[in-house]
Amino acid sequence: MSDTCSHTNKIDDFKCTVASSEALSDRIGWLTVRCRVLAERILPGTCVMVFPSDSNDPLLGRPFAVADVDINKGELSVCYMVIGRGTEMILRMSPGSEVRLRGPFGVPLPSVGGKINIAAGGAGIATFLCFAKKYPEKTADIFLGIPGRGYEKYAARISELLPKVRIFTDDGIFGEGNSMFKVLPKGLGESERIWSCGPPGFLKALKKHYEDEPDKLYFSLDKRMACGYGGCMGCVVETVNGQKRICADQSLFRADEVTDYGN
């Protein structure tokens, strides 16, 4: 099984039409735009940069993994944390308005010959949604951890896209319990892997959980980006093999390769 890959995307700017922009919790937003040319170029794991304004305020776009693509409608969606002025502006976008997106950039998720288990925290599952939808035969179990109360709408959206997802909530209000660590598979087969994305504390807990089989656990890391081309070095991850740029060099990192768990 190949767990890393490199890829050069043709990156362009696109004028897109906002189909919808909505809050799925007090911290998570979901933006869907219509742009068939861009939607047709998305590969699982690639990203787009959303520019919240036509002006230079804010100057930089906000990079997000593409969470869903509907080729029939010519639409793509991003899921994001609402944590500042830029993302608050995105949340307020009106249906029918124009928004500029740049992409696709980043390294697509690697091709696999075995089974992939997905373990994600919060909005981290967005990185893997397109893969799981496109390759259901390669996707084993899907685990998602979220806070609980107030995230019902978000849980419903993910369940709509991935009916087999198993949801766990910190407060135990809904879902299958308060911790996925009680049911995460251990003793993985030779061609089986765990792909994960989420908050640093969650990734550290996963690394400890799989300390006896570190070669089976892979992280998609969240780092600040400015350019998306690999020139600004803003998304560098320190690995045992030197510095790697998330936007240009590598999409997944073996857990024992890194000590930097992202933002």
Protein backbone atom coordinates (compact mmCIF):
# COMPACT_ATOMS: atom_id res chain seq x y z
CA MET A 1 0.00 0.00 0.00
CA SER A 2 1.30 3.43 -0.92
CA ASP A 3 0.63 5.94 1.84
CA THR A 4 2.29 9.02 0.40
CA CYS A 5 2.10 10.67 -2.97
CA SER A 6 3.08 13.86 -4.71
CA HIS A 7 1.03 15.77 -7.23
CA THR A 8 1.21 19.00 -9.18
CA ASN A 9 -2.16 20.69 -9.61
CA LYS A 10 -2.98 23.33 -12.18
CA ILE A 11 -4.06 26.13 -9.88
CA ASP A 12 -6.45 28.80 -11.18
CA ASP A 13 -8.83 31.41 -9.85
CA PHE A 14 -12.56 30.80 -10.36
CA LYS A 15 -15.62 33.02 -10.04
CA CYS A 16 -18.16 30.88 -8.22
CA THR A 17 -21.78 31.40 -7.24
CA VAL A 18 -22.76 30.82 -3.63
CA ALA A 19 -25.41 28.11 -3.44
CA SER A 20 -25.64 28.18 0.37
CA SER A 21 -23.69 29.22 3.43
CA GLU A 22 -24.84 27.97 6.80
CA ALA A 23 -23.82 27.36 10.37
CA LEU A 24 -23.96 23.69 11.39
CA SER A 25 -23.00 24.55 14.98
CA ASP A 26 -21.71 27.62 16.78
CA ARG A 27 -18.19 26.72 15.59
CA ILE A 28 -18.64 24.97 12.23
CA GLY A 29 -19.71 26.47 8.90
CA TRP A 30 -20.55 24.83 5.58
CA LEU A 31 -20.20 26.67 2.26
CA THR A 32 -21.46 25.29 -1.05
CA VAL A 33 -20.61 27.04 -4.31
CA ARG A 34 -21.51 26.38 -7.94
CA CYS A 35 -18.61 26.13 -10.39
CA ARG A 36 -18.64 23.07 -12.64
CA VAL A 37 -15.13 23.53 -14.04
CA LEU A 38 -13.59 23.62 -10.58
CA ALA A 39 -15.80 20.81 -9.22
CA GLU A 40 -14.66 18.52 -12.02
CA ARG A 41 -11.00 19.09 -11.10
CA ILE A 42 -11.31 18.15 -7.43
CA LEU A 43 -9.60 14.97 -6.26
CA PRO A 44 -10.09 13.48 -2.77
CA GLY A 45 -7.91 15.37 -0.31
CA THR A 46 -7.32 18.48 -2.40
CA CYS A 47 -8.11 21.97 -1.18
CA VAL A 48 -9.41 25.32 -2.33
CA MET A 49 -8.79 28.81 -1.04
CA VAL A 50 -11.87 30.93 -0.41
CA PHE A 51 -11.48 34.72 -0.62
CA PRO A 52 -14.02 36.30 1.75
CA SER A 53 -14.01 39.70 0.00
CA ASP A 54 -13.55 41.25 -3.43
CA SER A 55 -11.20 43.76 -1.84
CA ASN A 56 -7.80 43.19 -0.24
CA ASP A 57 -9.35 43.20 3.22
CA PRO A 58 -8.67 40.53 4.27
CA LEU A 59 -5.74 40.07 1.91
CA LEU A 60 -5.33 36.32 2.09
CA GLY A 61 -7.79 33.59 1.21
CA ARG A 62 -8.85 30.91 3.66
CA PRO A 63 -7.72 27.38 2.68
CA PHE A 64 -10.08 24.45 3.26
CA ALA A 65 -10.22 20.82 2.24
CA VAL A 66 -13.04 20.13 -0.19
CA ALA A 67 -15.62 18.18 1.81
CA ASP A 68 -18.08 17.27 -0.94
CA VAL A 69 -18.50 17.44 -4.71
CA ASP A 70 -21.73 17.08 -6.67
CA ILE A 71 -20.76 16.81 -10.33
CA ASN A 72 -24.39 16.65 -11.46
CA LYS A 73 -25.05 20.07 -9.95
CA GLY A 74 -21.54 21.39 -10.63
CA GLU A 75 -21.13 22.18 -6.93
CA LEU A 76 -18.45 21.76 -4.29
CA SER A 77 -18.58 22.31 -0.54
CA VAL A 78 -16.12 23.18 2.20
CA CYS A 79 -16.52 22.64 5.94
CA TYR A 80 -14.64 24.99 8.25
CA MET A 81 -14.16 26.21 11.77
CA VAL A 82 -15.55 29.70 12.42
CA ILE A 83 -12.64 31.23 14.31
CA GLY A 84 -12.04 34.74 13.00
CA ARG A 85 -13.11 37.64 10.83
CA GLY A 86 -12.47 35.88 7.51
CA THR A 87 -14.54 32.80 8.31
CA GLU A 88 -17.28 34.97 9.83
CA MET A 89 -17.46 36.81 6.49
CA ILE A 90 -17.77 33.48 4.66
CA LEU A 91 -20.59 32.42 6.98
CA ARG A 92 -22.53 35.59 6.07
CA MET A 93 -22.31 35.05 2.28
CA SER A 94 -25.70 35.19 0.59
CA PRO A 95 -26.98 32.62 -1.92
CA GLY A 96 -26.55 33.95 -5.45
CA SER A 97 -23.59 36.15 -4.61
CA GLU A 98 -20.20 35.72 -6.28
CA VAL A 99 -17.11 34.48 -4.48
CA ARG A 100 -13.60 33.85 -5.73
CA LEU A 101 -12.01 30.46 -5.13
CA ARG A 102 -8.46 29.43 -5.98
CA GLY A 103 -7.42 25.86 -6.55
CA PRO A 104 -7.29 23.02 -6.53
CA PHE A 105 -4.10 22.79 -4.49
CA GLY A 106 -2.57 20.35 -2.08
CA VAL A 107 -1.63 16.72 -2.50
CA PRO A 108 -4.51 14.29 -3.15
CA LEU A 109 -4.96 11.41 -0.77
CA PRO A 110 -2.89 8.41 -1.88
CA SER A 111 -4.17 5.42 -3.78
CA VAL A 112 -4.62 2.37 -1.56
CA GLY A 113 -4.86 -1.35 -2.07
CA GLY A 114 -6.22 -2.25 1.36
CA LYS A 115 -8.81 -0.93 3.78
CA ILE A 116 -8.85 2.51 5.39
CA ASN A 117 -10.37 3.28 8.79
CA ILE A 118 -11.11 6.95 9.34
CA ALA A 119 -10.92 8.53 12.80
CA ALA A 120 -11.61 12.26 12.95
CA GLY A 121 -12.33 14.98 15.45
CA GLY A 122 -14.65 17.92 14.73
CA ALA A 123 -14.29 19.41 11.25
CA GLY A 124 -11.28 17.15 10.61
CA ILE A 125 -13.46 14.61 8.85
CA ALA A 126 -13.88 17.05 5.93
CA THR A 127 -10.46 15.96 4.63
CA PHE A 128 -11.67 12.41 4.07
CA LEU A 129 -15.32 12.83 3.03
CA CYS A 130 -14.68 12.82 -0.72
CA PHE A 131 -12.46 9.74 -0.44
CA ALA A 132 -15.02 7.80 1.59
CA LYS A 133 -17.84 8.71 -0.82
CA LYS A 134 -15.81 7.88 -3.93
CA TYR A 135 -14.25 4.66 -2.61
CA PRO A 136 -16.76 2.99 -0.26
CA GLU A 137 -15.21 -0.39 -1.03
CA LYS A 138 -11.86 0.83 0.33
CA THR A 139 -13.34 2.48 3.43
CA ALA A 140 -13.77 0.25 6.49
CA ASP A 141 -15.12 2.02 9.59
CA ILE A 142 -15.58 5.77 10.02
CA PHE A 143 -15.42 7.32 13.50
CA LEU A 144 -16.22 10.96 14.30
CA GLY A 145 -15.85 12.68 17.66
CA ILE A 146 -17.65 15.98 18.35
CA PRO A 147 -18.60 17.97 21.47
CA GLY A 148 -22.28 16.99 21.49
CA ARG A 149 -25.12 19.39 22.32
CA GLY A 150 -25.35 22.07 19.64
CA TYR A 151 -23.71 19.86 17.01
CA GLU A 152 -26.83 17.91 16.02
CA LYS A 153 -27.11 19.67 12.65
CA TYR A 154 -23.46 18.98 11.87
CA ALA A 155 -23.83 15.32 12.82
CA ALA A 156 -26.88 15.06 10.56
CA ARG A 157 -24.99 16.53 7.61
CA ILE A 158 -22.08 14.11 7.98
CA SER A 159 -24.47 11.17 8.43
CA GLU A 160 -26.31 12.22 5.26
CA LEU A 161 -23.05 12.11 3.28
CA LEU A 162 -21.67 9.01 5.02
CA PRO A 163 -24.50 6.87 6.43
CA LYS A 164 -22.03 4.39 7.97
CA VAL A 165 -20.30 7.02 10.15
CA ARG A 166 -20.20 6.24 13.87
CA ILE A 167 -20.57 9.40 15.94
CA PHE A 168 -19.30 9.89 19.49
CA THR A 169 -19.98 12.97 21.63
CA ASP A 170 -18.02 14.33 24.56
CA ASP A 171 -21.19 14.88 26.59
CA GLY A 172 -22.86 11.63 25.49
CA ILE A 173 -26.09 13.46 24.59
CA PHE A 174 -26.36 11.58 21.30
CA GLY A 175 -24.31 9.16 19.24
CA GLU A 176 -22.78 5.85 20.34
CA GLY A 177 -21.12 7.04 23.52
CA ASN A 178 -18.57 9.53 24.76
CA SER A 179 -15.36 8.00 23.36
CA MET A 180 -14.45 6.31 20.10
CA PHE A 181 -11.30 4.96 21.78
CA LYS A 182 -13.40 2.19 23.34
CA VAL A 183 -14.18 0.74 19.89
CA LEU A 184 -11.34 1.78 17.59
CA PRO A 185 -9.92 -1.34 15.90
CA LYS A 186 -6.61 -2.71 17.11
CA GLY A 187 -4.39 -5.41 15.64
CA LEU A 188 -4.82 -4.06 12.12
CA GLY A 189 -4.09 -6.26 9.12
CA GLU A 190 -1.05 -5.79 6.91
CA SER A 191 -2.94 -3.70 4.35
CA GLU A 192 -5.17 -1.86 6.83
CA ARG A 193 -4.59 1.72 7.96
CA ILE A 194 -6.04 4.45 10.17
CA TRP A 195 -6.29 7.91 8.61
CA SER A 196 -6.96 10.73 11.03
CA CYS A 197 -7.41 14.48 11.25
CA GLY A 198 -8.45 16.61 14.21
CA PRO A 199 -7.24 18.77 17.10
CA PRO A 200 -3.65 18.22 18.35
CA GLY A 201 -4.82 16.62 21.61
CA PHE A 202 -6.93 14.11 19.70
CA LEU A 203 -4.01 13.17 17.44
CA LYS A 204 -1.70 12.71 20.43
CA ALA A 205 -4.26 10.41 22.05
CA LEU A 206 -4.50 8.39 18.83
CA LYS A 207 -0.72 8.05 18.68
CA LYS A 208 -0.71 6.65 22.21
CA HIS A 209 -3.63 4.34 21.40
CA TYR A 210 -1.69 2.86 18.48
CA GLU A 211 1.77 2.92 20.04
CA ASP A 212 2.13 -0.82 19.38
CA GLU A 213 1.45 -0.41 15.66
CA PRO A 214 2.66 3.10 14.73
CA ASP A 215 3.16 2.18 11.08
CA LYS A 216 -0.62 1.83 10.67
CA LEU A 217 -1.59 5.35 11.83
CA TYR A 218 -1.45 8.37 9.51
CA PHE A 219 -2.26 12.03 10.18
CA SER A 220 -3.61 14.76 7.93
CA LEU A 221 -2.35 17.91 9.65
CA ASP A 222 -3.89 21.35 9.83
CA LYS A 223 -1.39 24.18 9.30
CA ARG A 224 -1.73 27.84 8.44
CA MET A 225 -1.26 28.56 4.72
CA ALA A 226 -0.75 31.79 2.80
CA CYS A 227 -0.01 30.96 -0.83
CA GLY A 228 -1.01 27.34 -1.44
CA TYR A 229 1.81 26.93 -3.97
CA GLY A 230 4.62 25.93 -1.59
CA GLY A 231 6.49 29.22 -1.84
CA CYS A 232 5.68 30.88 1.49
CA MET A 233 6.72 27.88 3.64
CA GLY A 234 3.82 28.66 5.97
CA CYS A 235 2.50 25.09 6.12
CA VAL A 236 5.78 23.31 6.84
CA VAL A 237 5.73 20.21 9.02
CA GLU A 238 8.90 19.01 10.73
CA THR A 239 9.38 15.29 10.07
CA VAL A 240 12.13 12.74 10.59
CA ASN A 241 12.77 13.13 6.86
CA GLY A 242 13.13 16.91 7.01
CA GLN A 243 10.66 19.70 6.36
CA LYS A 244 7.57 18.89 4.31
CA ARG A 245 5.04 21.37 2.90
CA ILE A 246 1.45 20.23 3.30
CA CYS A 247 0.33 22.12 0.20
CA ALA A 248 2.97 20.71 -2.14
CA ASP A 249 4.90 17.74 -0.73
CA GLN A 250 2.76 15.32 1.24
CA SER A 251 -0.87 14.81 2.27
CA LEU A 252 -0.52 12.20 5.01
CA PHE A 253 2.18 11.70 7.62
CA ARG A 254 2.89 8.51 9.49
CA ALA A 255 2.31 9.19 13.16
CA ASP A 256 5.86 8.29 14.16
CA GLU A 257 7.29 10.64 11.51
CA VAL A 258 6.09 13.85 13.18
CA THR A 259 6.09 15.61 16.52
CA ASP A 260 4.30 18.71 15.21
CA TYR A 261 0.55 18.04 15.29
CA GLY A 262 -0.62 21.19 13.52
CA ASN A 263 -2.36 24.34 14.68
